[in-house]
Amino acid sequence: NSLKPEDTAVYYCHLVYAGMDYWGKGTL
């Protein structure tokens, strides 16, 4: 909410489990 121009970015989803990192493709 209340988004600002400085929030502009590619957003990535991340999951961490048992020392492993998983990344999704970003959404702009």
PDB file of all heavy atoms in Angstrom:
ATOM      1  N   ASN A   1       0.832  -1.191   0.000  1.00  0.00           N
ATOM      2  CA  ASN A   1       0.000   0.000   0.000  1.00  0.00           C
ATOM      3  C   ASN A   1       0.874   1.252   0.000  1.00  0.00           C
ATOM      4  O   ASN A   1       2.060   1.187   0.320  1.00  0.00           O
ATOM      5  CB  ASN A   1      -0.912   0.001   1.216  1.00  0.00           C
ATOM      6  CG  ASN A   1      -1.861  -1.175   1.249  1.00  0.00           C
ATOM      7  OD1 ASN A   1      -2.311  -1.669   0.213  1.00  0.00           O
ATOM      8  ND2 ASN A   1      -2.171  -1.648   2.444  1.00  0.00           N
ATOM      9  N   SER A   2       0.260   2.367  -0.321  1.00  0.00           N
ATOM     10  CA  SER A   2       0.967   3.656  -0.331  1.00  0.00           C
ATOM     11  C   SER A   2       2.284   3.549  -1.097  1.00  0.00           C
ATOM     12  O   SER A   2       3.335   3.989  -0.620  1.00  0.00           O
ATOM     13  CB  SER A   2       1.229   4.120   1.100  1.00  0.00           C
ATOM     14  OG  SER A   2       0.019   4.241   1.817  1.00  0.00           O
ATOM     15  N   LEU A   3       2.211   2.977  -2.264  1.00  0.00           N
ATOM     16  CA  LEU A   3       3.421   2.751  -3.045  1.00  0.00           C
ATOM     17  C   LEU A   3       4.080   4.058  -3.461  1.00  0.00           C
ATOM     18  O   LEU A   3       3.394   5.068  -3.717  1.00  0.00           O
ATOM     19  CB  LEU A   3       3.105   1.901  -4.270  1.00  0.00           C
ATOM     20  CG  LEU A   3       2.944   0.410  -3.967  1.00  0.00           C
ATOM     21  CD1 LEU A   3       2.182  -0.284  -5.092  1.00  0.00           C
ATOM     22  CD2 LEU A   3       4.303  -0.240  -3.770  1.00  0.00           C
ATOM     23  N   LYS A   4       5.400   4.017  -3.514  1.00  0.00           N
ATOM     24  CA  LYS A   4       6.197   5.179  -3.875  1.00  0.00           C
ATOM     25  C   LYS A   4       7.038   4.848  -5.101  1.00  0.00           C
ATOM     26  O   LYS A   4       7.337   3.673  -5.344  1.00  0.00           O
ATOM     27  CB  LYS A   4       7.127   5.550  -2.718  1.00  0.00           C
ATOM     28  CG  LYS A   4       6.429   5.806  -1.396  1.00  0.00           C
ATOM     29  CD  LYS A   4       7.443   6.049  -0.285  1.00  0.00           C
ATOM     30  CE  LYS A   4       6.772   6.280   1.051  1.00  0.00           C
ATOM     31  NZ  LYS A   4       7.758   6.522   2.139  1.00  0.00           N
ATOM     32  N   PRO A   5       7.461   5.838  -5.848  1.00  0.00           N
ATOM     33  CA  PRO A   5       8.320   5.566  -7.010  1.00  0.00           C
ATOM     34  C   PRO A   5       9.568   4.766  -6.641  1.00  0.00           C
ATOM     35  O   PRO A   5      10.032   3.944  -7.441  1.00  0.00           O
ATOM     36  CB  PRO A   5       8.667   6.972  -7.516  1.00  0.00           C
ATOM     37  CG  PRO A   5       7.485   7.803  -7.128  1.00  0.00           C
ATOM     38  CD  PRO A   5       7.056   7.262  -5.796  1.00  0.00           C
ATOM     39  N   GLU A   6      10.089   4.979  -5.449  1.00  0.00           N
ATOM     40  CA  GLU A   6      11.288   4.244  -5.032  1.00  0.00           C
ATOM     41  C   GLU A   6      11.015   2.770  -4.737  1.00  0.00           C
ATOM     42  O   GLU A   6      11.949   2.003  -4.480  1.00  0.00           O
ATOM     43  CB  GLU A   6      11.954   4.912  -3.821  1.00  0.00           C
ATOM     44  CG  GLU A   6      11.018   5.186  -2.670  1.00  0.00           C
ATOM     45  CD  GLU A   6      10.510   6.625  -2.668  1.00  0.00           C
ATOM     46  OE1 GLU A   6      10.121   7.114  -3.751  1.00  0.00           O
ATOM     47  OE2 GLU A   6      10.476   7.233  -1.575  1.00  0.00           O
ATOM     48  N   ASP A   7       9.752   2.360  -4.764  1.00  0.00           N
ATOM     49  CA  ASP A   7       9.419   0.935  -4.638  1.00  0.00           C
ATOM     50  C   ASP A   7       9.543   0.208  -5.972  1.00  0.00           C
ATOM     51  O   ASP A   7       9.410  -1.021  -6.033  1.00  0.00           O
ATOM     52  CB  ASP A   7       8.003   0.754  -4.100  1.00  0.00           C
ATOM     53  CG  ASP A   7       7.837   1.268  -2.681  1.00  0.00           C
ATOM     54  OD1 ASP A   7       8.745   1.020  -1.856  1.00  0.00           O
ATOM     55  OD2 ASP A   7       6.812   1.921  -2.403  1.00  0.00           O
ATOM     56  N   THR A   8       9.780   0.952  -7.028  1.00  0.00           N
ATOM     57  CA  THR A   8       9.930   0.344  -8.343  1.00  0.00           C
ATOM     58  C   THR A   8      11.112  -0.610  -8.367  1.00  0.00           C
ATOM     59  O   THR A   8      12.229  -0.244  -8.011  1.00  0.00           O
ATOM     60  CB  THR A   8      10.131   1.428  -9.414  1.00  0.00           C
ATOM     61  OG1 THR A   8       8.935   2.219  -9.503  1.00  0.00           O
ATOM     62  CG2 THR A   8      10.434   0.813 -10.771  1.00  0.00           C
ATOM     63  N   ALA A   9      10.844  -1.852  -8.744  1.00  0.00           N
ATOM     64  CA  ALA A   9      11.876  -2.882  -8.748  1.00  0.00           C
ATOM     65  C   ALA A   9      11.284  -4.178  -9.282  1.00  0.00           C
ATOM     66  O   ALA A   9      10.062  -4.293  -9.451  1.00  0.00           O
ATOM     67  CB  ALA A   9      12.414  -3.114  -7.332  1.00  0.00           C
ATOM     68  N   VAL A  10      12.162  -5.125  -9.508  1.00  0.00           N
ATOM     69  CA  VAL A  10      11.722  -6.493  -9.756  1.00  0.00           C
ATOM     70  C   VAL A  10      11.646  -7.185  -8.390  1.00  0.00           C
ATOM     71  O   VAL A  10      12.613  -7.155  -7.624  1.00  0.00           O
ATOM     72  CB  VAL A  10      12.678  -7.240 -10.686  1.00  0.00           C
ATOM     73  CG1 VAL A  10      12.224  -8.686 -10.864  1.00  0.00           C
ATOM     74  CG2 VAL A  10      12.756  -6.538 -12.037  1.00  0.00           C
ATOM     75  N   TYR A  11      10.517  -7.764  -8.105  1.00  0.00           N
ATOM     76  CA  TYR A  11      10.285  -8.418  -6.823  1.00  0.00           C
ATOM     77  C   TYR A  11      10.407  -9.939  -6.996  1.00  0.00           C
ATOM     78  O   TYR A  11       9.810 -10.520  -7.906  1.00  0.00           O
ATOM     79  CB  TYR A  11       8.906  -8.047  -6.290  1.00  0.00           C
ATOM     80  CG  TYR A  11       8.864  -6.654  -5.724  1.00  0.00           C
ATOM     81  CD1 TYR A  11       8.950  -5.533  -6.555  1.00  0.00           C
ATOM     82  CD2 TYR A  11       8.769  -6.426  -4.353  1.00  0.00           C
ATOM     83  CE1 TYR A  11       8.942  -4.251  -6.049  1.00  0.00           C
ATOM     84  CE2 TYR A  11       8.744  -5.138  -3.827  1.00  0.00           C
ATOM     85  CZ  TYR A  11       8.834  -4.062  -4.682  1.00  0.00           C
ATOM     86  OH  TYR A  11       8.824  -2.780  -4.160  1.00  0.00           O
ATOM     87  N   TYR A  12      11.153 -10.548  -6.079  1.00  0.00           N
ATOM     88  CA  TYR A  12      11.419 -11.977  -6.134  1.00  0.00           C
ATOM     89  C   TYR A  12      10.888 -12.670  -4.885  1.00  0.00           C
ATOM     90  O   TYR A  12      11.083 -12.205  -3.768  1.00  0.00           O
ATOM     91  CB  TYR A  12      12.923 -12.248  -6.231  1.00  0.00           C
ATOM     92  CG  TYR A  12      13.577 -11.711  -7.471  1.00  0.00           C
ATOM     93  CD1 TYR A  12      14.112 -10.424  -7.496  1.00  0.00           C
ATOM     94  CD2 TYR A  12      13.672 -12.496  -8.623  1.00  0.00           C
ATOM     95  CE1 TYR A  12      14.723  -9.936  -8.637  1.00  0.00           C
ATOM     96  CE2 TYR A  12      14.283 -12.010  -9.765  1.00  0.00           C
ATOM     97  CZ  TYR A  12      14.804 -10.720  -9.757  1.00  0.00           C
ATOM     98  OH  TYR A  12      15.408 -10.229 -10.894  1.00  0.00           O
ATOM     99  N   CYS A  13      10.292 -13.803  -5.112  1.00  0.00           N
ATOM    100  CA  CYS A  13       9.832 -14.651  -4.023  1.00  0.00           C
ATOM    101  C   CYS A  13      10.973 -15.584  -3.614  1.00  0.00           C
ATOM    102  O   CYS A  13      11.727 -16.061  -4.466  1.00  0.00           O
ATOM    103  CB  CYS A  13       8.631 -15.458  -4.509  1.00  0.00           C
ATOM    104  SG  CYS A  13       7.939 -16.577  -3.321  1.00  0.00           S
ATOM    105  N   HIS A  14      11.098 -15.840  -2.332  1.00  0.00           N
ATOM    106  CA  HIS A  14      12.211 -16.643  -1.828  1.00  0.00           C
ATOM    107  C   HIS A  14      11.720 -17.608  -0.763  1.00  0.00           C
ATOM    108  O   HIS A  14      10.869 -17.270   0.069  1.00  0.00           O
ATOM    109  CB  HIS A  14      13.272 -15.707  -1.230  1.00  0.00           C
ATOM    110  CG  HIS A  14      14.402 -16.409  -0.553  1.00  0.00           C
ATOM    111  ND1 HIS A  14      14.541 -16.449   0.819  1.00  0.00           N
ATOM    112  CD2 HIS A  14      15.463 -17.078  -1.066  1.00  0.00           C
ATOM    113  CE1 HIS A  14      15.625 -17.127   1.125  1.00  0.00           C
ATOM    114  NE2 HIS A  14      16.209 -17.507  -0.002  1.00  0.00           N
ATOM    115  N   LEU A  15      12.268 -18.813  -0.804  1.00  0.00           N
ATOM    116  CA  LEU A  15      11.975 -19.836   0.201  1.00  0.00           C
ATOM    117  C   LEU A  15      13.295 -20.399   0.714  1.00  0.00           C
ATOM    118  O   LEU A  15      14.198 -20.677  -0.073  1.00  0.00           O
ATOM    119  CB  LEU A  15      11.141 -20.964  -0.427  1.00  0.00           C
ATOM    120  CG  LEU A  15      11.009 -22.274   0.353  1.00  0.00           C
ATOM    121  CD1 LEU A  15      10.189 -22.058   1.615  1.00  0.00           C
ATOM    122  CD2 LEU A  15      10.360 -23.357  -0.502  1.00  0.00           C
ATOM    123  N   VAL A  16      13.399 -20.524   2.011  1.00  0.00           N
ATOM    124  CA  VAL A  16      14.589 -21.139   2.588  1.00  0.00           C
ATOM    125  C   VAL A  16      14.155 -22.293   3.492  1.00  0.00           C
ATOM    126  O   VAL A  16      13.224 -22.162   4.293  1.00  0.00           O
ATOM    127  CB  VAL A  16      15.443 -20.118   3.380  1.00  0.00           C
ATOM    128  CG1 VAL A  16      14.651 -19.456   4.495  1.00  0.00           C
ATOM    129  CG2 VAL A  16      16.706 -20.777   3.920  1.00  0.00           C
ATOM    130  N   TYR A  17      14.816 -23.422   3.314  1.00  0.00           N
ATOM    131  CA  TYR A  17      14.498 -24.589   4.119  1.00  0.00           C
ATOM    132  C   TYR A  17      15.694 -25.511   4.157  1.00  0.00           C
ATOM    133  O   TYR A  17      16.309 -25.772   3.111  1.00  0.00           O
ATOM    134  CB  TYR A  17      13.291 -25.336   3.545  1.00  0.00           C
ATOM    135  CG  TYR A  17      12.967 -26.607   4.288  1.00  0.00           C
ATOM    136  CD1 TYR A  17      12.380 -26.558   5.540  1.00  0.00           C
ATOM    137  CD2 TYR A  17      13.285 -27.860   3.755  1.00  0.00           C
ATOM    138  CE1 TYR A  17      12.105 -27.719   6.239  1.00  0.00           C
ATOM    139  CE2 TYR A  17      13.016 -29.016   4.450  1.00  0.00           C
ATOM    140  CZ  TYR A  17      12.426 -28.938   5.694  1.00  0.00           C
ATOM    141  OH  TYR A  17      12.151 -30.085   6.392  1.00  0.00           O
ATOM    142  N   ALA A  18      16.062 -25.941   5.341  1.00  0.00           N
ATOM    143  CA  ALA A  18      17.176 -26.874   5.530  1.00  0.00           C
ATOM    144  C   ALA A  18      18.443 -26.375   4.844  1.00  0.00           C
ATOM    145  O   ALA A  18      19.185 -27.161   4.238  1.00  0.00           O
ATOM    146  CB  ALA A  18      16.796 -28.256   5.003  1.00  0.00           C
ATOM    147  N   GLY A  19      18.674 -25.083   4.953  1.00  0.00           N
ATOM    148  CA  GLY A  19      19.891 -24.516   4.394  1.00  0.00           C
ATOM    149  C   GLY A  19      19.887 -24.315   2.896  1.00  0.00           C
ATOM    150  O   GLY A  19      20.896 -23.900   2.324  1.00  0.00           O
ATOM    151  N   MET A  20      18.779 -24.608   2.273  1.00  0.00           N
ATOM    152  CA  MET A  20      18.661 -24.445   0.825  1.00  0.00           C
ATOM    153  C   MET A  20      17.812 -23.219   0.499  1.00  0.00           C
ATOM    154  O   MET A  20      16.820 -22.948   1.167  1.00  0.00           O
ATOM    155  CB  MET A  20      18.023 -25.688   0.203  1.00  0.00           C
ATOM    156  CG  MET A  20      18.863 -26.939   0.360  1.00  0.00           C
ATOM    157  SD  MET A  20      20.358 -26.892  -0.628  1.00  0.00           S
ATOM    158  CE  MET A  20      19.649 -26.984  -2.279  1.00  0.00           C
ATOM    159  N   ASP A  21      18.251 -22.508  -0.527  1.00  0.00           N
ATOM    160  CA  ASP A  21      17.523 -21.320  -0.992  1.00  0.00           C
ATOM    161  C   ASP A  21      16.855 -21.611  -2.319  1.00  0.00           C
ATOM    162  O   ASP A  21      17.467 -22.198  -3.224  1.00  0.00           O
ATOM    163  CB  ASP A  21      18.476 -20.144  -1.169  1.00  0.00           C
ATOM    164  CG  ASP A  21      18.999 -19.626   0.155  1.00  0.00           C
ATOM    165  OD1 ASP A  21      18.251 -18.912   0.831  1.00  0.00           O
ATOM    166  OD2 ASP A  21      20.142 -19.963   0.496  1.00  0.00           O
ATOM    167  N   TYR A  22      15.626 -21.168  -2.432  1.00  0.00           N
ATOM    168  CA  TYR A  22      14.883 -21.317  -3.670  1.00  0.00           C
ATOM    169  C   TYR A  22      14.337 -19.950  -4.076  1.00  0.00           C
ATOM    170  O   TYR A  22      13.841 -19.198  -3.232  1.00  0.00           O
ATOM    171  CB  TYR A  22      13.717 -22.294  -3.493  1.00  0.00           C
ATOM    172  CG  TYR A  22      14.147 -23.665  -2.997  1.00  0.00           C
ATOM    173  CD1 TYR A  22      14.238 -23.928  -1.630  1.00  0.00           C
ATOM    174  CD2 TYR A  22      14.472 -24.682  -3.896  1.00  0.00           C
ATOM    175  CE1 TYR A  22      14.637 -25.171  -1.170  1.00  0.00           C
ATOM    176  CE2 TYR A  22      14.869 -25.921  -3.443  1.00  0.00           C
ATOM    177  CZ  TYR A  22      14.952 -26.168  -2.079  1.00  0.00           C
ATOM    178  OH  TYR A  22      15.356 -27.397  -1.631  1.00  0.00           O
ATOM    179  N   TRP A  23      14.453 -19.663  -5.366  1.00  0.00           N
ATOM    180  CA  TRP A  23      14.018 -18.362  -5.876  1.00  0.00           C
ATOM    181  C   TRP A  23      13.027 -18.551  -7.002  1.00  0.00           C
ATOM    182  O   TRP A  23      13.176 -19.447  -7.833  1.00  0.00           O
ATOM    183  CB  TRP A  23      15.217 -17.579  -6.413  1.00  0.00           C
ATOM    184  CG  TRP A  23      16.203 -17.166  -5.366  1.00  0.00           C
ATOM    185  CD1 TRP A  23      17.312 -17.841  -4.969  1.00  0.00           C
ATOM    186  CD2 TRP A  23      16.156 -15.976  -4.582  1.00  0.00           C
ATOM    187  NE1 TRP A  23      17.955 -17.145  -3.978  1.00  0.00           N
ATOM    188  CE2 TRP A  23      17.280 -15.999  -3.732  1.00  0.00           C
ATOM    189  CE3 TRP A  23      15.281 -14.887  -4.513  1.00  0.00           C
ATOM    190  CZ2 TRP A  23      17.556 -14.971  -2.819  1.00  0.00           C
ATOM    191  CZ3 TRP A  23      15.553 -13.870  -3.606  1.00  0.00           C
ATOM    192  CH2 TRP A  23      16.673 -13.912  -2.776  1.00  0.00           C
ATOM    193  N   GLY A  24      12.045 -17.650  -7.020  1.00  0.00           N
ATOM    194  CA  GLY A  24      11.146 -17.610  -8.149  1.00  0.00           C
ATOM    195  C   GLY A  24      11.623 -16.584  -9.154  1.00  0.00           C
ATOM    196  O   GLY A  24      12.505 -15.765  -8.865  1.00  0.00           O
ATOM    197  N   LYS A  25      11.044 -16.623 -10.332  1.00  0.00           N
ATOM    198  CA  LYS A  25      11.306 -15.577 -11.299  1.00  0.00           C
ATOM    199  C   LYS A  25      10.661 -14.307 -10.798  1.00  0.00           C
ATOM    200  O   LYS A  25       9.637 -14.347 -10.130  1.00  0.00           O
ATOM    201  CB  LYS A  25      10.740 -15.958 -12.663  1.00  0.00           C
ATOM    202  CG  LYS A  25      11.463 -17.131 -13.315  1.00  0.00           C
ATOM    203  CD  LYS A  25      10.905 -17.420 -14.688  1.00  0.00           C
ATOM    204  CE  LYS A  25      11.652 -18.586 -15.326  1.00  0.00           C
ATOM    205  NZ  LYS A  25      11.122 -18.914 -16.672  1.00  0.00           N
ATOM    206  N   GLY A  26      11.263 -13.191 -11.096  1.00  0.00           N
ATOM    207  CA  GLY A  26      10.782 -11.933 -10.576  1.00  0.00           C
ATOM    208  C   GLY A  26       9.523 -11.439 -11.257  1.00  0.00           C
ATOM    209  O   GLY A  26       9.186 -11.840 -12.368  1.00  0.00           O
ATOM    210  N   THR A  27       8.857 -10.539 -10.564  1.00  0.00           N
ATOM    211  CA  THR A  27       7.713  -9.839 -11.140  1.00  0.00           C
ATOM    212  C   THR A  27       7.963  -8.347 -10.991  1.00  0.00           C
ATOM    213  O   THR A  27       8.364  -7.881  -9.922  1.00  0.00           O
ATOM    214  CB  THR A  27       6.393 -10.271 -10.473  1.00  0.00           C
ATOM    215  OG1 THR A  27       5.292  -9.629 -11.117  1.00  0.00           O
ATOM    216  CG2 THR A  27       6.356  -9.952  -8.979  1.00  0.00           C
ATOM    217  N   LEU A  28       7.773  -7.615 -12.070  1.00  0.00           N
ATOM    218  CA  LEU A  28       8.133  -6.197 -12.104  1.00  0.00           C
ATOM    219  C   LEU A  28       7.019  -5.339 -11.514  1.00  0.00           C
ATOM    220  O   LEU A  28       5.853  -5.460 -11.892  1.00  0.00           O
ATOM    221  CB  LEU A  28       8.420  -5.759 -13.540  1.00  0.00           C
ATOM    222  CG  LEU A  28       8.743  -4.292 -13.758  1.00  0.00           C
ATOM    223  CD1 LEU A  28      10.022  -3.902 -13.011  1.00  0.00           C
ATOM    224  CD2 LEU A  28       8.887  -3.996 -15.254  1.00  0.00           C
TER     225      LEU A  28
END
